[in-house]
Amino acid sequence: MNKSHSEICIKVSIKNISDGTKGISLSGPDKLIGEWVDSGAYSLSITPDCQVSIYDESGKQRYLLTFPGTPIRGEQLSETEAAVILTV
């Protein structure tokens, strides 16, 4: 059986989400995947294994986001936005 793999880019952002409050947003190429309110999220960074660490204002880690599939690369777009490319 031949399995076909495709690449997808997932963006993680700390911003004002759809209800107008500060939060964390996950989006794919053409749609919102999910979001949640978090007024304490301040910055994020890509780890060496393409996970996303989210920090509070003091630099303490609040979350570590991992993704299904195989990570190909991660890119830090700004202090509050990152993109992870993976195969699924």
N, C-alpha and C. Protein backbone atom coordinates (compact mmCIF):
# COMPACT_ATOMS: atom_id res chain seq x y z
N MET A 1 0.85 -1.18 0.00
CA MET A 1 0.00 0.00 0.00
C MET A 1 0.89 1.24 0.00
N ASN A 2 0.69 2.14 -0.93
CA ASN A 2 1.47 3.36 -1.05
C ASN A 2 0.76 4.50 -0.34
N LYS A 3 1.41 5.03 0.67
CA LYS A 3 0.81 6.15 1.40
C LYS A 3 1.32 7.46 0.82
N SER A 4 0.42 8.36 0.59
CA SER A 4 0.79 9.68 0.08
C SER A 4 0.90 10.65 1.26
N HIS A 5 1.99 11.36 1.31
CA HIS A 5 2.20 12.34 2.38
C HIS A 5 2.07 13.73 1.79
N SER A 6 1.49 14.63 2.55
CA SER A 6 1.41 16.01 2.10
C SER A 6 1.98 16.91 3.18
N GLU A 7 2.45 18.06 2.76
CA GLU A 7 3.00 19.06 3.68
C GLU A 7 1.92 20.05 4.04
N ILE A 8 1.98 20.52 5.29
CA ILE A 8 1.06 21.54 5.75
C ILE A 8 1.84 22.53 6.62
N CYS A 9 1.46 23.78 6.53
CA CYS A 9 2.06 24.82 7.36
C CYS A 9 1.03 25.22 8.42
N ILE A 10 1.44 25.15 9.67
CA ILE A 10 0.58 25.60 10.77
C ILE A 10 1.23 26.81 11.41
N LYS A 11 0.47 27.90 11.49
CA LYS A 11 0.95 29.12 12.13
C LYS A 11 0.39 29.19 13.54
N VAL A 12 1.25 29.58 14.46
CA VAL A 12 0.87 29.81 15.85
C VAL A 12 1.10 31.29 16.12
N SER A 13 0.07 31.97 16.65
CA SER A 13 0.17 33.41 16.89
C SER A 13 -0.39 33.75 18.25
N ILE A 14 0.23 34.72 18.89
CA ILE A 14 -0.33 35.35 20.08
C ILE A 14 -0.87 36.69 19.59
N LYS A 15 -2.19 36.87 19.71
CA LYS A 15 -2.81 38.06 19.15
C LYS A 15 -4.23 38.20 19.70
N ASN A 16 -4.95 39.21 19.24
CA ASN A 16 -6.37 39.31 19.57
C ASN A 16 -7.10 38.29 18.71
N ILE A 17 -7.78 37.36 19.38
CA ILE A 17 -8.48 36.30 18.67
C ILE A 17 -9.88 36.79 18.26
N SER A 18 -10.67 35.90 17.69
CA SER A 18 -11.95 36.31 17.08
C SER A 18 -12.94 36.95 18.04
N ASP A 19 -12.88 36.65 19.34
CA ASP A 19 -13.80 37.30 20.27
C ASP A 19 -13.27 38.63 20.78
N GLY A 20 -12.09 39.06 20.30
CA GLY A 20 -11.53 40.36 20.65
C GLY A 20 -10.59 40.34 21.85
N THR A 21 -10.45 39.20 22.50
CA THR A 21 -9.55 39.11 23.65
C THR A 21 -8.19 38.59 23.20
N LYS A 22 -7.19 38.80 24.04
CA LYS A 22 -5.84 38.31 23.73
C LYS A 22 -5.82 36.80 23.91
N GLY A 23 -5.19 36.11 22.97
CA GLY A 23 -5.12 34.67 23.06
C GLY A 23 -4.13 34.07 22.10
N ILE A 24 -4.26 32.78 21.90
CA ILE A 24 -3.38 32.02 21.04
C ILE A 24 -4.20 31.43 19.90
N SER A 25 -3.70 31.56 18.70
CA SER A 25 -4.41 31.13 17.51
C SER A 25 -3.56 30.13 16.74
N LEU A 26 -4.18 29.06 16.28
CA LEU A 26 -3.55 28.08 15.39
C LEU A 26 -4.30 28.12 14.07
N SER A 27 -3.57 28.28 12.98
CA SER A 27 -4.24 28.34 11.68
C SER A 27 -3.46 27.55 10.64
N GLY A 28 -4.23 27.00 9.69
CA GLY A 28 -3.66 26.29 8.55
C GLY A 28 -3.64 27.23 7.36
N PRO A 29 -3.35 26.71 6.20
CA PRO A 29 -3.24 27.56 5.01
C PRO A 29 -4.51 28.35 4.69
N ASP A 30 -5.67 27.74 4.87
CA ASP A 30 -6.91 28.40 4.46
C ASP A 30 -7.95 28.52 5.56
N LYS A 31 -7.60 28.12 6.80
CA LYS A 31 -8.64 28.17 7.83
C LYS A 31 -8.05 28.23 9.23
N LEU A 32 -8.88 28.67 10.13
CA LEU A 32 -8.56 28.68 11.55
C LEU A 32 -8.71 27.26 12.08
N ILE A 33 -7.69 26.76 12.76
CA ILE A 33 -7.75 25.42 13.35
C ILE A 33 -8.31 25.49 14.75
N GLY A 34 -7.88 26.48 15.51
CA GLY A 34 -8.35 26.63 16.88
C GLY A 34 -7.76 27.86 17.52
N GLU A 35 -8.38 28.28 18.61
CA GLU A 35 -7.86 29.42 19.36
C GLU A 35 -8.39 29.34 20.78
N TRP A 36 -7.65 29.95 21.70
CA TRP A 36 -8.12 30.02 23.07
C TRP A 36 -7.65 31.31 23.71
N VAL A 37 -8.43 31.77 24.67
CA VAL A 37 -8.14 33.00 25.40
C VAL A 37 -6.98 32.75 26.34
N ASP A 38 -6.01 33.65 26.34
CA ASP A 38 -4.90 33.60 27.30
C ASP A 38 -4.26 34.98 27.39
N SER A 39 -4.68 35.74 28.39
CA SER A 39 -4.13 37.10 28.54
C SER A 39 -2.70 37.08 29.06
N GLY A 40 -2.21 35.94 29.53
CA GLY A 40 -0.85 35.85 30.06
C GLY A 40 0.19 35.44 29.04
N ALA A 41 -0.22 35.06 27.84
CA ALA A 41 0.75 34.68 26.80
C ALA A 41 1.44 35.95 26.30
N TYR A 42 2.75 35.90 26.21
CA TYR A 42 3.51 37.10 25.86
C TYR A 42 4.39 36.91 24.62
N SER A 43 5.07 35.77 24.53
CA SER A 43 5.96 35.52 23.40
C SER A 43 6.02 34.01 23.13
N LEU A 44 6.66 33.66 22.02
CA LEU A 44 6.82 32.25 21.69
C LEU A 44 8.13 32.03 20.97
N SER A 45 8.54 30.77 20.91
CA SER A 45 9.75 30.42 20.17
C SER A 45 9.64 29.00 19.64
N ILE A 46 10.39 28.73 18.59
CA ILE A 46 10.48 27.40 17.99
C ILE A 46 11.59 26.63 18.71
N THR A 47 11.31 25.40 19.10
CA THR A 47 12.34 24.56 19.71
C THR A 47 13.14 23.87 18.59
N PRO A 48 14.29 23.29 18.91
CA PRO A 48 15.08 22.59 17.89
C PRO A 48 14.33 21.45 17.19
N ASP A 49 13.35 20.85 17.87
CA ASP A 49 12.59 19.77 17.24
C ASP A 49 11.23 20.24 16.71
N CYS A 50 11.14 21.54 16.42
CA CYS A 50 9.98 22.15 15.76
C CYS A 50 8.68 22.10 16.59
N GLN A 51 8.81 22.19 17.88
CA GLN A 51 7.66 22.42 18.73
C GLN A 51 7.60 23.92 18.99
N VAL A 52 6.51 24.40 19.58
CA VAL A 52 6.39 25.82 19.86
C VAL A 52 6.22 26.02 21.36
N SER A 53 7.16 26.75 21.96
CA SER A 53 7.07 27.10 23.37
C SER A 53 6.41 28.47 23.48
N ILE A 54 5.44 28.58 24.37
CA ILE A 54 4.76 29.85 24.62
C ILE A 54 5.09 30.27 26.04
N TYR A 55 5.47 31.55 26.19
CA TYR A 55 5.97 32.08 27.46
C TYR A 55 5.11 33.21 27.98
N ASP A 56 5.17 33.39 29.31
CA ASP A 56 4.53 34.56 29.90
C ASP A 56 5.52 35.73 29.87
N GLU A 57 5.13 36.86 30.42
CA GLU A 57 5.96 38.07 30.36
C GLU A 57 7.28 37.91 31.10
N SER A 58 7.33 37.06 32.13
CA SER A 58 8.56 36.85 32.88
C SER A 58 9.49 35.84 32.21
N GLY A 59 9.04 35.21 31.12
CA GLY A 59 9.84 34.22 30.41
C GLY A 59 9.59 32.79 30.84
N LYS A 60 8.63 32.58 31.73
CA LYS A 60 8.29 31.23 32.17
C LYS A 60 7.41 30.56 31.11
N GLN A 61 7.74 29.31 30.79
CA GLN A 61 6.96 28.58 29.78
C GLN A 61 5.56 28.28 30.30
N ARG A 62 4.55 28.62 29.48
CA ARG A 62 3.15 28.33 29.79
C ARG A 62 2.68 27.07 29.08
N TYR A 63 3.12 26.88 27.83
CA TYR A 63 2.68 25.76 27.01
C TYR A 63 3.84 25.28 26.14
N LEU A 64 3.76 24.02 25.75
CA LEU A 64 4.63 23.47 24.73
C LEU A 64 3.72 22.77 23.73
N LEU A 65 3.62 23.34 22.54
CA LEU A 65 2.74 22.80 21.51
C LEU A 65 3.50 21.82 20.63
N THR A 66 2.94 20.64 20.47
CA THR A 66 3.48 19.64 19.56
C THR A 66 2.41 19.37 18.50
N PHE A 67 2.83 18.88 17.37
CA PHE A 67 1.92 18.70 16.25
C PHE A 67 1.98 17.27 15.75
N PRO A 68 0.88 16.77 15.19
CA PRO A 68 0.90 15.43 14.60
C PRO A 68 1.72 15.46 13.31
N GLY A 69 2.15 14.32 12.87
CA GLY A 69 2.93 14.26 11.64
C GLY A 69 4.41 14.39 11.95
N THR A 70 5.19 14.58 10.91
CA THR A 70 6.64 14.69 11.03
C THR A 70 7.06 16.12 10.72
N PRO A 71 7.66 16.82 11.69
CA PRO A 71 8.09 18.19 11.43
C PRO A 71 9.24 18.23 10.42
N ILE A 72 9.14 19.17 9.48
CA ILE A 72 10.19 19.36 8.49
C ILE A 72 11.07 20.54 8.90
N ARG A 73 10.40 21.63 9.26
CA ARG A 73 11.14 22.82 9.72
C ARG A 73 10.19 23.76 10.44
N GLY A 74 10.77 24.62 11.24
CA GLY A 74 10.02 25.66 11.92
C GLY A 74 10.66 27.00 11.63
N GLU A 75 9.86 28.03 11.61
CA GLU A 75 10.37 29.37 11.32
C GLU A 75 9.77 30.37 12.30
N GLN A 76 10.63 31.12 12.94
CA GLN A 76 10.22 32.19 13.85
C GLN A 76 9.90 33.41 12.99
N LEU A 77 8.64 33.80 12.92
CA LEU A 77 8.23 34.92 12.09
C LEU A 77 8.33 36.25 12.83
N SER A 78 8.09 36.23 14.12
CA SER A 78 8.22 37.40 14.98
C SER A 78 8.26 36.90 16.41
N GLU A 79 8.30 37.80 17.37
CA GLU A 79 8.30 37.40 18.78
C GLU A 79 6.98 36.72 19.18
N THR A 80 5.93 36.97 18.40
CA THR A 80 4.61 36.43 18.73
C THR A 80 4.00 35.54 17.65
N GLU A 81 4.81 35.15 16.66
CA GLU A 81 4.28 34.31 15.58
C GLU A 81 5.36 33.36 15.06
N ALA A 82 4.94 32.12 14.82
CA ALA A 82 5.84 31.11 14.27
C ALA A 82 5.07 30.22 13.31
N ALA A 83 5.81 29.57 12.44
CA ALA A 83 5.21 28.63 11.49
C ALA A 83 5.97 27.31 11.57
N VAL A 84 5.22 26.22 11.51
CA VAL A 84 5.81 24.88 11.50
C VAL A 84 5.30 24.16 10.26
N ILE A 85 6.23 23.65 9.47
CA ILE A 85 5.90 22.86 8.28
C ILE A 85 6.07 21.39 8.67
N LEU A 86 5.02 20.59 8.38
CA LEU A 86 5.12 19.17 8.69
C LEU A 86 4.47 18.33 7.61
N THR A 87 4.83 17.06 7.59
CA THR A 87 4.17 16.12 6.69
C THR A 87 3.14 15.33 7.48
N VAL A 88 2.02 15.11 6.83
CA VAL A 88 0.95 14.34 7.46
C VAL A 88 0.46 13.28 6.51
